[in-house]
């Protein structure tokens, strides 16, 4: 997976604890390194075909079968063909129910997976009153997870708060929002990859951006999170 040209953009708010590091990445997962890493795809809010025609071709080129170990889909899949496409990327596909997955009555509202020493919970987010940090923290504590992924906003976000890490991968298709999400907004298509090593997680966010001439390019940025470890008790 060759790294796209990077750009820099910060999305943190003053009340959130700064992340360890967020930089444009020139070392996004490559086809050479993929074999050595277990990559987790975090994707959601596709809304095909109701609000978007398909996942962008530039994204599909990156998400080739055999490069991803597991997919966490945050709901609003809404289309069998897209489900089959995600299964072709990796058969280890975990899905939660989104507000528009009306026919998928058997899907759970939340799921939790464990990689290394990190527990990752994910949900679409329609069961939350809002996506305020304190409410997300309460949900993370309820699920007993270190990392919480949520969707529904169609906008990428990532921040660390009270020693936990919160990730919203945005909409992989750039699907338009309905009235509750903000009229007039034009979502930027995005998805995330996670690489977990022990207590450390590296997050890569891929965004399809347009330049002044309307040309589309995939930008990638990297965020790192390290799970706090309780100091060992003194044996003396």
Foldseek 3Di string as FASTA:
>chain_A
DQAFAADDDDDDDPVFDAFPDKFFDNCDPDPVCLVVFAKEWEAEDAQPPNQFPDQDPVVPVVLAAPRHNAYEYAENQCDVVSVVVVCRSPVRYAYAYDPPVVVPVVHHQKDWDDDANFIEMEGACPVFPDVPPVRQVVVCVVVVGQEYEYHDLQEWDWGHHPQGIYTYFHHSRQGDHPVVNPPPDRHWHKIWMWTDDHQKIKIKMWTWDADPVRDTTIHIMIGMHGRDDDDDDDPD
